[in-house]
Every structure is written in structure tokens, then in C-alpha cells.
């Protein structure tokens, strides 16, 4: 005589498309919490680094030593870029709402995009095309020609200060090329694109930091659509540092006043700017 089994217990968990959604990231239980297949308290706290856990959570696999070296290099590189739009936004929002630190950080993170900080995603799409092409050099030349003909900026290339080369990119690419465990395909694609960009321009154009970051994350198997997330993670720390400095040495009001005085009002009405000039 067989004992009838509970139908719900006998069914394996379904994970295919069209099934009910599931998560593999985290679960609570009475005695603690699970991060993927690890126990937060017993396996992670005090035993692993932040970078190890973020890599495991994002990729679903345990980080190799090479993964940690490359991800740490990327996160350090992207953390700080000075008083760029993201930092200025954070400082101004913090000045306006100092009780809302997270809002100030969030405002700065909204500036991580296709023009600043997050351009590794745009560059990586081009590297994906080159790696998938039957003739990588021809594909790179076509990409460079099309961008130049349309006068579009080449993502991952050029810098207003670092010329002829971006020292950050040189260092990052050297780190990747020194790692025997990395296949080198993404870095090779970037080198191929760089040669085509120089050829199309008739002069040397620097690979910038985000171009190198796109290649390095590609070497680790990070999908292009997730790469900007690493910029967000890193830049969040940098923006907290800007708030810490803002608390000690406020610059938000100075930035506001500078803009207010530097951009003239040209309407027919009265302005504090014209009044100020008359008094002089």
C-alpha cells in the first residue's frame, strides 16, 4: 500500500518562461538569511569581502581571484571624477535638502549615462559587434567610418584632459593583459577598434577609462546590459564622499551663485544682474 503524496510537494520548482516568477537572490528564515545558496551569517559576514558578495549576487557564480582583481580595479577607477555633473547634482540637492542624503546620492546617480561615467555600455556594444563579426578588422573600420561620417562621438574614446593617452586606460588594459586566465577577446576587440578609430581620424585618439572598463568587464563575462551597474555601485561611494566634504566645506551655494551670475538674463524685465551692474 502506497501513501499518497502531497501534489504540491512532489512538483519540482518551475523556472521556465511563462511560469510563476522566482528569485534566487535572497530569502529570510527564522534563524537568519540566505544570499543565493550561502548563509549570510554563517558563510559571509566576516568571511567575505563586499566585492566577492556583489560579484556572486550579480553573476550567480563565485568570484575567482582574477575576477576580484579586475572588479576592484574597475570600481576604484570609476568612483571619483571630481566636480562633474553627477557630483554637482549631488552637492546641490544636498544643499537644498540636507535631511535627504539618499536623495542627493540618487540625483547624482541619475547622471550616470551615455555621456558621462556609463559610456562603457555603449563601447561594449561595439566590442560585441567586432567579436561577432567574420572579419573583426573590417567591422571595426565600418564602425569608425560610420561614427566619423555622422559626427557621432565614439564611446570609449577621447578625453578633454588626458592626451595623447588616458593613463587610467593604459593601466587597466595592462592589468587585464597580464592575467593569463582571461581570454583577451574583449581587450583585443578594443585594440582593433582603436586602430580603426585612429585610421579614420588620421591621428591618434586616446582610449579613455570607460572604454577600458567595458573591455575588462567583458573579459569577466559581464553582459553589456549590466555594465553600467558597476559604474552606479562605484559612483555611489564617490558621491557619499562628496556629501561628506559638503558637510565640512559647503560649495553648493557657491556653485549656485556662480551659475546665477555667469548666465545673463536677456529678457526685457528687471534683473538683479543688471541692477548689480548699474550699482558698479
Protein backbone atom coordinates (compact mmCIF):
# COMPACT_ATOMS: atom_id res chain seq x y z
CA UNK A 1 0.00 0.00 0.00
CA UNK A 2 1.48 3.34 -1.03
CA UNK A 3 0.92 6.53 0.84
CA UNK A 4 -0.49 9.31 -1.34
CA UNK A 5 1.97 12.14 -1.72
CA UNK A 6 1.14 15.79 -1.45
CA UNK A 7 0.85 17.02 -5.05
CA UNK A 8 2.41 20.40 -4.30
CA UNK A 9 5.39 18.84 -2.55
CA UNK A 10 6.07 16.38 -5.38
CA UNK A 11 6.19 19.05 -8.08
CA UNK A 12 9.65 20.38 -8.79
CA UNK A 13 10.09 24.13 -8.67
CA UNK A 14 9.40 25.62 -12.10
CA UNK A 15 11.89 28.06 -13.55
CA UNK A 16 10.99 28.25 -17.23
CA UNK A 17 9.50 31.11 -19.20
CA UNK A 18 5.82 31.58 -18.61
CA UNK A 19 5.99 30.04 -15.13
CA UNK A 20 5.40 31.94 -11.93
CA UNK A 21 8.34 34.26 -11.11
CA UNK A 22 11.04 33.08 -8.74
CA UNK A 23 14.10 34.62 -7.10
CA UNK A 24 17.45 33.04 -6.38
CA UNK A 25 18.95 36.10 -4.72
CA UNK A 26 17.74 36.15 -1.14
CA UNK A 27 15.40 34.53 1.37
CA UNK A 28 14.64 35.15 5.04
CA UNK A 29 14.12 32.42 7.60
CA UNK A 30 13.65 32.40 11.36
CA UNK A 31 17.32 31.92 12.15
CA UNK A 32 18.86 34.15 9.50
CA UNK A 33 19.03 34.95 5.81
CA UNK A 34 20.24 33.33 2.59
CA UNK A 35 22.21 35.12 -0.12
CA UNK A 36 21.78 32.83 -3.12
CA UNK A 37 22.99 29.45 -1.76
CA UNK A 38 25.05 30.90 1.08
CA UNK A 39 24.02 31.67 4.64
CA UNK A 40 24.61 35.36 5.34
CA UNK A 41 25.56 34.93 9.00
CA UNK A 42 27.50 31.66 8.85
CA UNK A 43 29.13 31.91 5.42
CA UNK A 44 29.52 35.58 4.51
CA UNK A 45 29.69 38.08 7.37
CA UNK A 46 33.30 38.37 8.49
CA UNK A 47 34.46 35.82 5.92
CA UNK A 48 34.00 37.50 2.55
CA UNK A 49 34.59 40.95 1.07
CA UNK A 50 31.97 43.26 -0.35
CA UNK A 51 33.39 42.73 -3.85
CA UNK A 52 33.13 38.93 -3.51
CA UNK A 53 29.49 39.10 -2.48
CA UNK A 54 28.44 41.69 -5.07
CA UNK A 55 30.09 39.60 -7.80
CA UNK A 56 28.33 36.44 -6.62
CA UNK A 57 24.97 38.18 -6.36
CA UNK A 58 25.22 39.80 -9.80
CA UNK A 59 26.73 36.93 -11.79
CA UNK A 60 25.49 33.88 -9.87
CA UNK A 61 28.98 32.40 -9.61
CA UNK A 62 31.75 32.52 -7.07
CA UNK A 63 34.40 35.08 -7.92
CA UNK A 64 37.83 33.86 -8.93
CA UNK A 65 40.86 35.82 -7.69
CA UNK A 66 41.18 37.34 -11.16
CA UNK A 67 37.55 38.48 -11.06
CA UNK A 68 38.17 40.27 -7.78
CA UNK A 69 41.34 41.96 -9.03
CA UNK A 70 39.64 43.25 -12.16
CA UNK A 71 36.37 44.30 -10.49
CA UNK A 72 38.24 46.12 -7.72
CA UNK A 73 40.33 47.96 -10.32
CA UNK A 74 37.15 48.96 -12.18
CA UNK A 75 35.34 50.13 -9.04
CA UNK A 76 38.30 52.20 -7.87
CA UNK A 77 38.65 53.79 -11.33
CA UNK A 78 35.00 54.82 -11.60
CA UNK A 79 34.50 56.08 -8.05
CA UNK A 80 35.68 59.65 -8.46
CA UNK A 81 35.86 62.11 -11.35
CA UNK A 82 35.85 65.43 -9.48
CA UNK A 83 33.18 68.11 -9.86
CA UNK A 84 31.45 66.52 -12.84
CA UNK A 85 27.65 66.71 -13.40
CA UNK A 86 26.89 63.80 -11.06
CA UNK A 87 28.86 65.31 -8.17
CA UNK A 88 27.48 68.81 -8.78
CA UNK A 89 23.93 67.46 -8.79
CA UNK A 90 24.53 65.63 -5.52
CA UNK A 91 26.03 68.70 -3.84
CA UNK A 92 23.21 70.98 -4.96
CA UNK A 93 20.45 68.58 -3.92
CA UNK A 94 22.14 68.04 -0.57
CA UNK A 95 22.32 71.82 -0.09
CA UNK A 96 18.59 72.03 -0.82
CA UNK A 97 17.57 69.00 1.29
CA UNK A 98 20.32 68.09 3.78
CA UNK A 99 17.94 65.76 5.62
CA UNK A 100 17.77 63.56 2.50
CA UNK A 101 21.28 62.18 1.94
CA UNK A 102 19.99 59.28 -0.14
CA UNK A 103 18.08 61.66 -2.40
CA UNK A 104 21.24 63.65 -3.04
CA UNK A 105 23.15 60.48 -3.93
CA UNK A 106 20.28 59.31 -6.13
CA UNK A 107 20.26 62.61 -8.02
CA UNK A 108 23.94 62.18 -8.83
CA UNK A 109 23.44 58.59 -9.94
CA UNK A 110 20.84 59.74 -12.46
CA UNK A 111 23.71 61.42 -14.34
CA UNK A 112 25.44 58.07 -14.92
CA UNK A 113 24.53 57.58 -18.55
CA UNK A 114 25.61 57.55 -22.17
CA UNK A 115 27.59 60.80 -21.94
CA UNK A 116 29.32 60.53 -18.56
CA UNK A 117 30.51 57.60 -16.43
CA UNK A 118 28.24 54.99 -18.05
CA UNK A 119 29.71 55.07 -21.54
CA UNK A 120 31.34 51.65 -21.09
CA UNK A 121 27.98 50.14 -22.07
CA UNK A 122 27.93 51.97 -25.40
CA UNK A 123 31.53 50.96 -26.09
CA UNK A 124 30.90 47.34 -25.13
CA UNK A 125 28.10 47.08 -27.69
CA UNK A 126 30.63 47.94 -30.37
CA UNK A 127 33.10 45.41 -28.99
CA UNK A 128 30.35 42.77 -29.09
CA UNK A 129 29.81 43.57 -32.77
CA UNK A 130 33.51 43.28 -33.54
CA UNK A 131 33.86 39.95 -31.73
CA UNK A 132 30.82 38.52 -33.51
CA UNK A 133 31.97 39.62 -36.98
CA UNK A 134 33.54 37.28 -39.53
CA UNK A 135 36.12 39.97 -40.22
CA UNK A 136 36.73 41.91 -36.98
CA UNK A 137 39.06 44.47 -38.61
CA UNK A 138 36.55 45.26 -41.35
CA UNK A 139 33.77 45.61 -38.79
CA UNK A 140 35.89 47.96 -36.70
CA UNK A 141 36.69 50.09 -39.74
CA UNK A 142 32.99 50.30 -40.61
CA UNK A 143 32.11 51.35 -37.06
CA UNK A 144 34.80 54.04 -37.08
CA UNK A 145 33.83 55.27 -40.56
CA UNK A 146 30.11 55.48 -39.68
CA UNK A 147 30.71 57.39 -36.44
CA UNK A 148 33.02 59.84 -38.17
CA UNK A 149 30.66 60.36 -41.12
CA UNK A 150 27.75 61.05 -38.77
CA UNK A 151 29.94 63.15 -36.46
CA UNK A 152 28.98 60.99 -33.52
CA UNK A 153 31.33 60.70 -30.57
CA UNK A 154 32.96 57.28 -30.39
CA UNK A 155 32.03 55.81 -26.99
CA UNK A 156 35.11 54.81 -25.02
CA UNK A 157 37.41 57.18 -26.90
CA UNK A 158 38.67 60.71 -26.44
CA UNK A 159 39.16 62.85 -23.36
CA UNK A 160 39.28 66.61 -22.85
CA UNK A 161 42.27 66.41 -20.48
CA UNK A 162 44.12 63.12 -20.97
CA UNK A 163 46.07 63.40 -24.22
CA UNK A 164 47.59 61.71 -26.11
CA UNK A 165 46.61 58.81 -23.83
CA UNK A 166 44.46 58.27 -20.77
CA UNK A 167 46.77 56.85 -18.07
CA UNK A 168 43.84 55.10 -16.41
CA UNK A 169 43.06 53.16 -19.58
CA UNK A 170 46.72 52.24 -20.06
CA UNK A 171 46.87 50.86 -16.52
CA UNK A 172 43.58 48.95 -16.75
CA UNK A 173 44.41 47.32 -20.07
CA UNK A 174 47.88 46.37 -18.82
CA UNK A 175 46.29 44.73 -15.77
CA UNK A 176 43.95 42.69 -17.98
CA UNK A 177 46.65 41.68 -20.45
CA UNK A 178 48.82 40.46 -17.58
CA UNK A 179 46.12 38.00 -16.43
CA UNK A 180 46.71 34.58 -18.06
CA UNK A 181 43.23 33.37 -17.01
CA UNK A 182 41.50 35.96 -19.19
CA UNK A 183 40.87 35.06 -22.82
CA UNK A 184 41.72 38.56 -24.02
CA UNK A 185 38.98 38.70 -26.66
CA UNK A 186 37.33 41.91 -25.43
CA UNK A 187 40.65 43.68 -24.98
CA UNK A 188 41.74 42.56 -28.45
CA UNK A 189 38.46 43.90 -29.89
CA UNK A 190 39.10 47.26 -28.21
CA UNK A 191 42.64 47.37 -29.61
CA UNK A 192 41.25 46.57 -33.06
CA UNK A 193 38.66 49.34 -32.74
CA UNK A 194 41.31 51.78 -31.51
CA UNK A 195 43.42 51.16 -34.62
CA UNK A 196 40.38 51.76 -36.83
CA UNK A 197 39.46 54.94 -34.96
CA UNK A 198 42.99 56.30 -35.40
CA UNK A 199 42.93 55.41 -39.08
CA UNK A 200 39.57 57.12 -39.64
CA UNK A 201 40.64 60.24 -37.75
CA UNK A 202 44.10 60.42 -39.32
CA UNK A 203 45.57 60.88 -35.86
CA UNK A 204 45.79 59.12 -32.51
CA UNK A 205 42.63 59.16 -30.38
CA UNK A 206 43.01 58.01 -26.78
CA UNK A 207 41.11 55.08 -25.34
CA UNK A 208 39.50 56.56 -22.23
CA UNK A 209 38.85 54.91 -18.87
CA UNK A 210 35.29 53.81 -19.62
CA UNK A 211 36.38 52.24 -22.90
CA UNK A 212 38.92 50.17 -21.00
CA UNK A 213 36.34 49.32 -18.33
CA UNK A 214 33.96 48.00 -21.00
CA UNK A 215 36.69 45.68 -22.28
CA UNK A 216 37.69 44.50 -18.78
CA UNK A 217 34.14 43.71 -17.70
CA UNK A 218 33.66 41.89 -20.99
CA UNK A 219 36.65 39.72 -20.15
CA UNK A 220 34.83 38.64 -16.97
CA UNK A 221 31.70 37.71 -18.90
CA UNK A 222 29.63 40.61 -17.57
CA UNK A 223 26.76 41.19 -20.04
CA UNK A 224 26.89 44.56 -21.78
CA UNK A 225 23.44 45.48 -20.44
CA UNK A 226 24.70 45.14 -16.84
CA UNK A 227 27.99 47.01 -17.13
CA UNK A 228 26.59 50.42 -16.22
CA UNK A 229 25.52 48.89 -12.92
CA UNK A 230 29.15 48.67 -11.86
CA UNK A 231 29.51 52.39 -12.52
CA UNK A 232 26.44 53.02 -10.35
CA UNK A 233 27.86 50.91 -7.50
CA UNK A 234 31.21 52.66 -7.62
CA UNK A 235 29.92 56.19 -8.14
CA UNK A 236 27.53 55.86 -5.17
CA UNK A 237 30.56 55.63 -2.88
CA UNK A 238 32.16 58.63 -4.54
CA UNK A 239 29.00 60.70 -4.14
CA UNK A 240 28.81 59.89 -0.44
CA UNK A 241 32.36 61.27 -0.23
CA UNK A 242 31.19 64.48 -1.93
CA UNK A 243 28.44 64.81 0.67
CA UNK A 244 30.96 64.27 3.45
CA UNK A 245 33.05 67.11 2.03
CA UNK A 246 29.95 69.24 1.54
CA UNK A 247 29.14 68.84 5.21
CA UNK A 248 32.60 70.09 6.20
CA UNK A 249 33.19 72.66 3.45
CA UNK A 250 29.95 73.61 1.66
CA UNK A 251 30.23 74.54 -2.01
CA UNK A 252 26.61 74.20 -3.13
CA UNK A 253 25.73 77.85 -2.56
CA UNK A 254 28.93 78.95 -4.33
CA UNK A 255 28.03 76.76 -7.35
CA UNK A 256 24.53 78.22 -7.40
CA UNK A 257 25.73 81.83 -7.12
CA UNK A 258 28.39 81.28 -9.78
CA UNK A 259 25.84 79.98 -12.28
CA UNK A 260 23.33 82.68 -11.35
CA UNK A 261 25.86 85.41 -12.08
CA UNK A 262 27.57 83.76 -15.07
CA UNK A 263 24.45 83.15 -17.17
CA UNK A 264 22.94 86.53 -18.05
CA UNK A 265 19.25 87.28 -18.19
CA UNK A 266 18.47 88.83 -21.60
CA UNK A 267 14.73 89.48 -21.27
CA UNK A 268 13.06 92.88 -21.13
CA UNK A 269 12.19 92.63 -17.44
CA UNK A 270 14.21 93.69 -14.41
CA UNK A 271 17.07 91.52 -13.17
CA UNK A 272 19.32 91.52 -10.13
CA UNK A 273 22.19 91.13 -12.60
CA UNK A 274 21.51 94.44 -14.38
CA UNK A 275 20.86 96.17 -11.08
CA UNK A 276 24.22 94.94 -9.78
CA UNK A 277 25.99 96.19 -12.90
CA UNK A 278 24.31 99.62 -12.59
CA UNK A 279 25.50 99.94 -9.00
CA UNK A 280 29.05 99.32 -10.14
